[in-house]
Amino acid sequence: MGKHVAKRAHSADAPRTHRTRYVFIDESGDLGQYGSRFFTMAAVVVTEPKFTSRIIKKLRQRKLKKNIRQLPEIKANNSNRMIREYVLKKVQELDCEIFSIVVEKESIQEHLFEVKNQLYSEICGELLEKIDMDSGTLRIVIDKKDTNTLLRKGFDQYLHKRMDGSGAKITIEHKPSHLSNELQVVDFIAWAIQRKFNTGDCSYYPIIEEKIINREDMLL
């Protein structure tokens, strides 16, 4: 894993904008030494998160049967093809950018599986370095996995240190995915990418492929 911040070059003539962008991050696969062959982390970058949230709201209203409409969280892994394609096609229409990192776990040094929190943080750092930074605000929302406050604080400190000098004002929020429609959308994206690499099923990936900014440079 890289230990430095990959600073993006800005054209001398390109204005540095002052805007707020929202980055929603989720993953698919696991970071155990065994299990899935690949681990995928994906981010959706938007300036208007309400439109991302509406994808899940409209899905519940228009596509889900009454007995599952009230489920606290909609996940790709537990959904049928109709639901998966609906969400991904709505992402295709969304004004957004997708970035992703796919890790083949065979390439990970064995001792890193014993420090999964550090490994997760480093992969997230690699993902964020794919995103063009400017002098605005980057509001990162990530699935709240750890109940341990110290682990979350360590994660935040690592990312702030790694992204220091990027030019952006960065805030990080850990939010349970069942309370975030946006994170549920990213779950479908990460699942579709993971599905392509882990099982060779490419039936979903092409729907969102054109939205993935670093699609030629996803495999870490």
C-alpha atoms as a PDB file:
ATOM      1  CA  MET A   1       0.000   0.000   0.000  1.00  0.00           C
ATOM      2  CA  GLY A   2       1.208   3.518  -0.752  1.00  0.00           C
ATOM      3  CA  LYS A   3       2.412   5.627   2.150  1.00  0.00           C
ATOM      4  CA  HIS A   4       2.239   9.004   0.475  1.00  0.00           C
ATOM      5  CA  VAL A   5      -0.444  11.316  -0.761  1.00  0.00           C
ATOM      6  CA  ALA A   6      -0.704  11.312  -4.532  1.00  0.00           C
ATOM      7  CA  LYS A   7      -1.217  15.010  -5.125  1.00  0.00           C
ATOM      8  CA  ARG A   8      -3.055  15.865  -8.304  1.00  0.00           C
ATOM      9  CA  ALA A   9      -1.553  18.382 -10.660  1.00  0.00           C
ATOM     10  CA  HIS A  10      -3.754  21.356 -11.449  1.00  0.00           C
ATOM     11  CA  SER A  11      -3.458  23.362 -14.604  1.00  0.00           C
ATOM     12  CA  ALA A  12      -2.234  26.910 -14.005  1.00  0.00           C
ATOM     13  CA  ASP A  13      -5.272  28.147 -15.914  1.00  0.00           C
ATOM     14  CA  ALA A  14      -7.810  25.913 -14.182  1.00  0.00           C
ATOM     15  CA  PRO A  15      -9.750  27.718 -11.457  1.00  0.00           C
ATOM     16  CA  ARG A  16      -9.863  26.030  -8.057  1.00  0.00           C
ATOM     17  CA  THR A  17     -13.474  25.814  -7.096  1.00  0.00           C
ATOM     18  CA  HIS A  18     -14.922  26.306  -3.615  1.00  0.00           C
ATOM     19  CA  ARG A  19     -17.696  23.770  -3.380  1.00  0.00           C
ATOM     20  CA  THR A  20     -18.932  20.972  -1.166  1.00  0.00           C
ATOM     21  CA  ARG A  21     -18.809  17.454  -2.501  1.00  0.00           C
ATOM     22  CA  TYR A  22     -20.159  14.391  -0.737  1.00  0.00           C
ATOM     23  CA  VAL A  23     -18.331  11.068  -0.878  1.00  0.00           C
ATOM     24  CA  PHE A  24     -20.257   7.959   0.135  1.00  0.00           C
ATOM     25  CA  ILE A  25     -18.113   4.847   0.649  1.00  0.00           C
ATOM     26  CA  ASP A  26     -19.051   1.181   1.018  1.00  0.00           C
ATOM     27  CA  GLU A  27     -17.468  -2.147   0.201  1.00  0.00           C
ATOM     28  CA  SER A  28     -18.189  -5.675  -0.956  1.00  0.00           C
ATOM     29  CA  GLY A  29     -16.367  -8.835   0.016  1.00  0.00           C
ATOM     30  CA  ASP A  30     -14.415  -9.443   3.185  1.00  0.00           C
ATOM     31  CA  LEU A  31     -10.947  -8.785   4.536  1.00  0.00           C
ATOM     32  CA  GLY A  32     -10.443 -12.220   6.002  1.00  0.00           C
ATOM     33  CA  GLN A  33      -7.484 -14.224   4.749  1.00  0.00           C
ATOM     34  CA  TYR A  34      -9.944 -16.703   3.309  1.00  0.00           C
ATOM     35  CA  GLY A  35     -13.399 -16.165   1.858  1.00  0.00           C
ATOM     36  CA  SER A  36     -13.834 -13.972  -1.205  1.00  0.00           C
ATOM     37  CA  ARG A  37     -10.912 -13.825  -3.636  1.00  0.00           C
ATOM     38  CA  PHE A  38     -11.292 -10.054  -4.054  1.00  0.00           C
ATOM     39  CA  PHE A  39     -12.260  -7.150  -1.832  1.00  0.00           C
ATOM     40  CA  THR A  40     -13.922  -4.128  -3.429  1.00  0.00           C
ATOM     41  CA  MET A  41     -14.365  -0.624  -2.073  1.00  0.00           C
ATOM     42  CA  ALA A  42     -16.387   1.959  -3.993  1.00  0.00           C
ATOM     43  CA  ALA A  43     -17.163   5.644  -3.615  1.00  0.00           C
ATOM     44  CA  VAL A  44     -19.877   7.786  -5.152  1.00  0.00           C
ATOM     45  CA  VAL A  45     -19.067  11.499  -5.381  1.00  0.00           C
ATOM     46  CA  VAL A  46     -21.982  13.932  -5.709  1.00  0.00           C
ATOM     47  CA  THR A  47     -22.763  17.578  -5.046  1.00  0.00           C
ATOM     48  CA  GLU A  48     -26.485  16.956  -4.448  1.00  0.00           C
ATOM     49  CA  PRO A  49     -26.890  13.854  -2.255  1.00  0.00           C
ATOM     50  CA  LYS A  50     -30.681  14.140  -2.212  1.00  0.00           C
ATOM     51  CA  PHE A  51     -30.858  12.719  -5.731  1.00  0.00           C
ATOM     52  CA  THR A  52     -28.868   9.651  -4.658  1.00  0.00           C
ATOM     53  CA  SER A  53     -31.124   9.187  -1.658  1.00  0.00           C
ATOM     54  CA  ARG A  54     -34.226   9.327  -3.864  1.00  0.00           C
ATOM     55  CA  ILE A  55     -33.148   6.170  -5.695  1.00  0.00           C
ATOM     56  CA  ILE A  56     -33.839   4.067  -2.616  1.00  0.00           C
ATOM     57  CA  LYS A  57     -36.923   6.079  -1.665  1.00  0.00           C
ATOM     58  CA  LYS A  58     -38.495   5.529  -5.076  1.00  0.00           C
ATOM     59  CA  LEU A  59     -37.435   1.889  -5.060  1.00  0.00           C
ATOM     60  CA  ARG A  60     -39.366   1.357  -1.845  1.00  0.00           C
ATOM     61  CA  GLN A  61     -42.412   3.225  -3.135  1.00  0.00           C
ATOM     62  CA  ARG A  62     -42.612   1.765  -6.626  1.00  0.00           C
ATOM     63  CA  LYS A  63     -40.814  -1.562  -6.837  1.00  0.00           C
ATOM     64  CA  LEU A  64     -40.835  -3.358  -3.499  1.00  0.00           C
ATOM     65  CA  LYS A  65     -43.617  -5.626  -2.345  1.00  0.00           C
ATOM     66  CA  LYS A  66     -45.424  -4.518   0.765  1.00  0.00           C
ATOM     67  CA  ASN A  67     -43.898  -7.216   2.948  1.00  0.00           C
ATOM     68  CA  ILE A  68     -40.322  -6.039   2.261  1.00  0.00           C
ATOM     69  CA  ARG A  69     -40.945  -2.319   1.797  1.00  0.00           C
ATOM     70  CA  GLN A  70     -40.399  -1.642   5.488  1.00  0.00           C
ATOM     71  CA  LEU A  71     -37.073  -3.458   5.769  1.00  0.00           C
ATOM     72  CA  PRO A  72     -34.527  -1.110   7.384  1.00  0.00           C
ATOM     73  CA  GLU A  73     -31.929  -1.719   4.686  1.00  0.00           C
ATOM     74  CA  ILE A  74     -31.962  -2.785   1.043  1.00  0.00           C
ATOM     75  CA  LYS A  75     -28.829  -4.697   0.047  1.00  0.00           C
ATOM     76  CA  ALA A  76     -27.765  -5.929  -3.366  1.00  0.00           C
ATOM     77  CA  ASN A  77     -26.766  -9.346  -2.101  1.00  0.00           C
ATOM     78  CA  ASN A  78     -30.303 -10.026  -0.862  1.00  0.00           C
ATOM     79  CA  SER A  79     -32.105  -8.483  -3.840  1.00  0.00           C
ATOM     80  CA  ASN A  80     -33.368  -9.955  -7.090  1.00  0.00           C
ATOM     81  CA  ARG A  81     -32.284  -8.975 -10.588  1.00  0.00           C
ATOM     82  CA  MET A  82     -35.127  -6.507 -11.073  1.00  0.00           C
ATOM     83  CA  ILE A  83     -34.169  -4.529  -7.965  1.00  0.00           C
ATOM     84  CA  ARG A  84     -30.441  -4.595  -8.752  1.00  0.00           C
ATOM     85  CA  GLU A  85     -30.959  -3.399 -12.309  1.00  0.00           C
ATOM     86  CA  TYR A  86     -33.387  -0.695 -11.179  1.00  0.00           C
ATOM     87  CA  VAL A  87     -30.875   0.784  -8.722  1.00  0.00           C
ATOM     88  CA  LEU A  88     -27.914   0.552 -11.098  1.00  0.00           C
ATOM     89  CA  LYS A  89     -29.846   2.085 -14.004  1.00  0.00           C
ATOM     90  CA  LYS A  90     -30.834   4.997 -11.757  1.00  0.00           C
ATOM     91  CA  VAL A  91     -27.155   5.447 -10.876  1.00  0.00           C
ATOM     92  CA  GLN A  92     -26.427   5.507 -14.604  1.00  0.00           C
ATOM     93  CA  GLU A  93     -28.745   8.526 -14.890  1.00  0.00           C
ATOM     94  CA  LEU A  94     -27.319  10.243 -11.805  1.00  0.00           C
ATOM     95  CA  ASP A  95     -24.981  13.239 -11.918  1.00  0.00           C
ATOM     96  CA  CYS A  96     -22.165  11.506 -10.070  1.00  0.00           C
ATOM     97  CA  GLU A  97     -18.670  10.094 -10.273  1.00  0.00           C
ATOM     98  CA  ILE A  98     -17.763   6.596  -9.153  1.00  0.00           C
ATOM     99  CA  PHE A  99     -14.325   5.538  -7.980  1.00  0.00           C
ATOM    100  CA  SER A 100     -13.346   2.026  -6.949  1.00  0.00           C
ATOM    101  CA  ILE A 101     -10.461  -0.031  -5.626  1.00  0.00           C
ATOM    102  CA  VAL A 102     -10.400  -3.797  -6.120  1.00  0.00           C
ATOM    103  CA  VAL A 103      -7.862  -5.795  -4.114  1.00  0.00           C
ATOM    104  CA  GLU A 104      -6.875  -9.342  -4.965  1.00  0.00           C
ATOM    105  CA  LYS A 105      -6.354 -10.735  -1.493  1.00  0.00           C
ATOM    106  CA  GLU A 106      -3.548 -13.064  -2.597  1.00  0.00           C
ATOM    107  CA  SER A 107      -1.446  -9.921  -3.086  1.00  0.00           C
ATOM    108  CA  ILE A 108      -1.891  -8.811   0.541  1.00  0.00           C
ATOM    109  CA  GLN A 109       0.963  -9.600   2.904  1.00  0.00           C
ATOM    110  CA  GLU A 110      -0.211 -12.260   5.343  1.00  0.00           C
ATOM    111  CA  HIS A 111       0.459 -10.283   8.525  1.00  0.00           C
ATOM    112  CA  LEU A 112      -1.896  -7.501   7.388  1.00  0.00           C
ATOM    113  CA  PHE A 113      -4.891  -9.800   7.798  1.00  0.00           C
ATOM    114  CA  GLU A 114      -4.195  -9.636  11.537  1.00  0.00           C
ATOM    115  CA  VAL A 115      -4.641  -5.844  11.553  1.00  0.00           C
ATOM    116  CA  LYS A 116      -7.823  -5.522   9.501  1.00  0.00           C
ATOM    117  CA  ASN A 117      -8.606  -2.033  10.751  1.00  0.00           C
ATOM    118  CA  GLN A 118      -5.257  -0.766   9.455  1.00  0.00           C
ATOM    119  CA  LEU A 119      -5.713  -2.651   6.183  1.00  0.00           C
ATOM    120  CA  TYR A 120      -9.208  -1.205   5.709  1.00  0.00           C
ATOM    121  CA  SER A 121      -7.907   2.303   6.407  1.00  0.00           C
ATOM    122  CA  GLU A 122      -5.110   1.948   3.855  1.00  0.00           C
ATOM    123  CA  ILE A 123      -7.454   0.704   1.138  1.00  0.00           C
ATOM    124  CA  CYS A 124      -9.789   3.606   1.865  1.00  0.00           C
ATOM    125  CA  GLY A 125      -6.828   5.984   1.614  1.00  0.00           C
ATOM    126  CA  GLU A 126      -5.902   4.523  -1.770  1.00  0.00           C
ATOM    127  CA  LEU A 127      -9.479   5.022  -2.928  1.00  0.00           C
ATOM    128  CA  LEU A 128      -9.636   8.659  -1.825  1.00  0.00           C
ATOM    129  CA  GLU A 129      -6.388   9.427  -3.629  1.00  0.00           C
ATOM    130  CA  LYS A 130      -8.156   8.565  -6.890  1.00  0.00           C
ATOM    131  CA  ILE A 131     -10.522  11.504  -6.392  1.00  0.00           C
ATOM    132  CA  ASP A 132      -9.553  14.913  -7.744  1.00  0.00           C
ATOM    133  CA  MET A 133      -9.193  17.323  -4.851  1.00  0.00           C
ATOM    134  CA  ASP A 134      -9.913  21.024  -4.956  1.00  0.00           C
ATOM    135  CA  SER A 135     -10.046  23.810  -2.395  1.00  0.00           C
ATOM    136  CA  GLY A 136     -13.643  23.057  -1.442  1.00  0.00           C
ATOM    137  CA  THR A 137     -15.082  20.770   1.224  1.00  0.00           C
ATOM    138  CA  LEU A 138     -15.110  17.004   0.942  1.00  0.00           C
ATOM    139  CA  ARG A 139     -17.685  15.419   3.234  1.00  0.00           C
ATOM    140  CA  ILE A 140     -16.936  11.711   3.530  1.00  0.00           C
ATOM    141  CA  VAL A 141     -19.686   9.400   4.762  1.00  0.00           C
ATOM    142  CA  ILE A 142     -18.688   5.810   5.449  1.00  0.00           C
ATOM    143  CA  ASP A 143     -20.541   2.833   6.835  1.00  0.00           C
ATOM    144  CA  LYS A 144     -20.242   2.744  10.628  1.00  0.00           C
ATOM    145  CA  LYS A 145     -18.769  -0.677  11.262  1.00  0.00           C
ATOM    146  CA  ASP A 146     -16.909  -0.242  14.528  1.00  0.00           C
ATOM    147  CA  THR A 147     -18.686   0.474  17.777  1.00  0.00           C
ATOM    148  CA  ASN A 148     -15.236   1.168  19.226  1.00  0.00           C
ATOM    149  CA  THR A 149     -14.827   4.948  19.313  1.00  0.00           C
ATOM    150  CA  LEU A 150     -11.036   4.704  19.460  1.00  0.00           C
ATOM    151  CA  LEU A 151     -10.915   2.621  16.267  1.00  0.00           C
ATOM    152  CA  ARG A 152     -13.078   5.151  14.439  1.00  0.00           C
ATOM    153  CA  LYS A 153     -10.932   7.986  15.737  1.00  0.00           C
ATOM    154  CA  GLY A 154      -7.789   6.193  14.555  1.00  0.00           C
ATOM    155  CA  PHE A 155      -9.349   5.711  11.113  1.00  0.00           C
ATOM    156  CA  ASP A 156     -10.219   9.411  10.895  1.00  0.00           C
ATOM    157  CA  GLN A 157      -6.756  10.500  12.004  1.00  0.00           C
ATOM    158  CA  TYR A 158      -5.121   8.209   9.439  1.00  0.00           C
ATOM    159  CA  LEU A 159      -7.196   9.602   6.566  1.00  0.00           C
ATOM    160  CA  HIS A 160      -6.716  13.229   7.618  1.00  0.00           C
ATOM    161  CA  LYS A 161      -2.965  12.688   7.800  1.00  0.00           C
ATOM    162  CA  ARG A 162      -2.845  10.875   4.478  1.00  0.00           C
ATOM    163  CA  MET A 163      -4.883  13.531   2.695  1.00  0.00           C
ATOM    164  CA  ASP A 164      -3.063  16.449   4.304  1.00  0.00           C
ATOM    165  CA  GLY A 165      -1.973  18.897   1.626  1.00  0.00           C
ATOM    166  CA  SER A 166      -4.707  17.856  -0.803  1.00  0.00           C
ATOM    167  CA  GLY A 167      -6.251  21.340  -0.717  1.00  0.00           C
ATOM    168  CA  ALA A 168      -9.654  20.159   0.449  1.00  0.00           C
ATOM    169  CA  LYS A 169     -11.317  20.632   3.811  1.00  0.00           C
ATOM    170  CA  ILE A 170     -12.196  17.067   4.781  1.00  0.00           C
ATOM    171  CA  THR A 171     -14.849  15.912   7.224  1.00  0.00           C
ATOM    172  CA  ILE A 172     -15.592  12.260   8.015  1.00  0.00           C
ATOM    173  CA  GLU A 173     -18.863  10.831   9.274  1.00  0.00           C
ATOM    174  CA  HIS A 174     -19.447   7.219  10.285  1.00  0.00           C
ATOM    175  CA  LYS A 175     -23.098   6.415   9.661  1.00  0.00           C
ATOM    176  CA  PRO A 176     -24.989   3.108   9.933  1.00  0.00           C
ATOM    177  CA  SER A 177     -25.906   2.053   6.411  1.00  0.00           C
ATOM    178  CA  HIS A 178     -29.516   1.329   7.376  1.00  0.00           C
ATOM    179  CA  LEU A 179     -29.846   5.056   8.159  1.00  0.00           C
ATOM    180  CA  SER A 180     -28.340   6.190   4.854  1.00  0.00           C
ATOM    181  CA  ASN A 181     -30.065   5.678   1.517  1.00  0.00           C
ATOM    182  CA  GLU A 182     -26.900   6.927  -0.177  1.00  0.00           C
ATOM    183  CA  LEU A 183     -24.758   4.193   1.388  1.00  0.00           C
ATOM    184  CA  GLN A 184     -27.324   1.621   0.319  1.00  0.00           C
ATOM    185  CA  VAL A 185     -26.928   2.825  -3.269  1.00  0.00           C
ATOM    186  CA  VAL A 186     -23.140   2.434  -3.007  1.00  0.00           C
ATOM    187  CA  ASP A 187     -23.670  -1.102  -1.721  1.00  0.00           C
ATOM    188  CA  PHE A 188     -25.227  -1.996  -5.095  1.00  0.00           C
ATOM    189  CA  ILE A 189     -22.333  -0.393  -6.965  1.00  0.00           C
ATOM    190  CA  ALA A 190     -19.641  -2.141  -4.938  1.00  0.00           C
ATOM    191  CA  TRP A 191     -21.537  -5.418  -5.287  1.00  0.00           C
ATOM    192  CA  ALA A 192     -21.733  -5.113  -9.092  1.00  0.00           C
ATOM    193  CA  ILE A 193     -17.982  -4.430  -9.356  1.00  0.00           C
ATOM    194  CA  GLN A 194     -17.125  -7.203  -6.909  1.00  0.00           C
ATOM    195  CA  ARG A 195     -19.374  -9.577  -8.831  1.00  0.00           C
ATOM    196  CA  LYS A 196     -17.399  -8.909 -12.021  1.00  0.00           C
ATOM    197  CA  PHE A 197     -14.042  -9.672 -10.435  1.00  0.00           C
ATOM    198  CA  ASN A 198     -14.960 -12.318  -7.886  1.00  0.00           C
ATOM    199  CA  THR A 199     -17.305 -14.530  -9.920  1.00  0.00           C
ATOM    200  CA  GLY A 200     -16.822 -13.322 -13.501  1.00  0.00           C
ATOM    201  CA  ASP A 201     -20.482 -12.259 -13.702  1.00  0.00           C
ATOM    202  CA  CYS A 202     -20.412  -9.142 -15.887  1.00  0.00           C
ATOM    203  CA  SER A 203     -24.175  -8.810 -16.322  1.00  0.00           C
ATOM    204  CA  TYR A 204     -24.473  -5.841 -13.925  1.00  0.00           C
ATOM    205  CA  TYR A 205     -21.148  -4.045 -14.236  1.00  0.00           C
ATOM    206  CA  PRO A 206     -21.731  -2.559 -17.750  1.00  0.00           C
ATOM    207  CA  ILE A 207     -24.727  -0.600 -16.462  1.00  0.00           C
ATOM    208  CA  ILE A 208     -22.454   1.643 -14.363  1.00  0.00           C
ATOM    209  CA  GLU A 209     -19.141   1.207 -16.169  1.00  0.00           C
ATOM    210  CA  GLU A 210     -19.176   4.623 -17.858  1.00  0.00           C
ATOM    211  CA  LYS A 211     -19.641   6.323 -14.477  1.00  0.00           C
ATOM    212  CA  ILE A 212     -16.455   4.795 -13.051  1.00  0.00           C
ATOM    213  CA  ILE A 213     -13.761   7.419 -13.484  1.00  0.00           C
ATOM    214  CA  ASN A 214     -10.829   5.098 -12.755  1.00  0.00           C
ATOM    215  CA  ARG A 215     -12.226   1.999 -14.462  1.00  0.00           C
ATOM    216  CA  GLU A 216      -8.892   1.378 -16.184  1.00  0.00           C
ATOM    217  CA  ASP A 217      -7.082   1.589 -12.849  1.00  0.00           C
ATOM    218  CA  MET A 218      -9.253  -0.186 -10.279  1.00  0.00           C
ATOM    219  CA  LEU A 219      -7.188  -3.271  -9.490  1.00  0.00           C
ATOM    220  CA  LEU A 220      -4.724  -2.554  -6.697  1.00  0.00           C
END
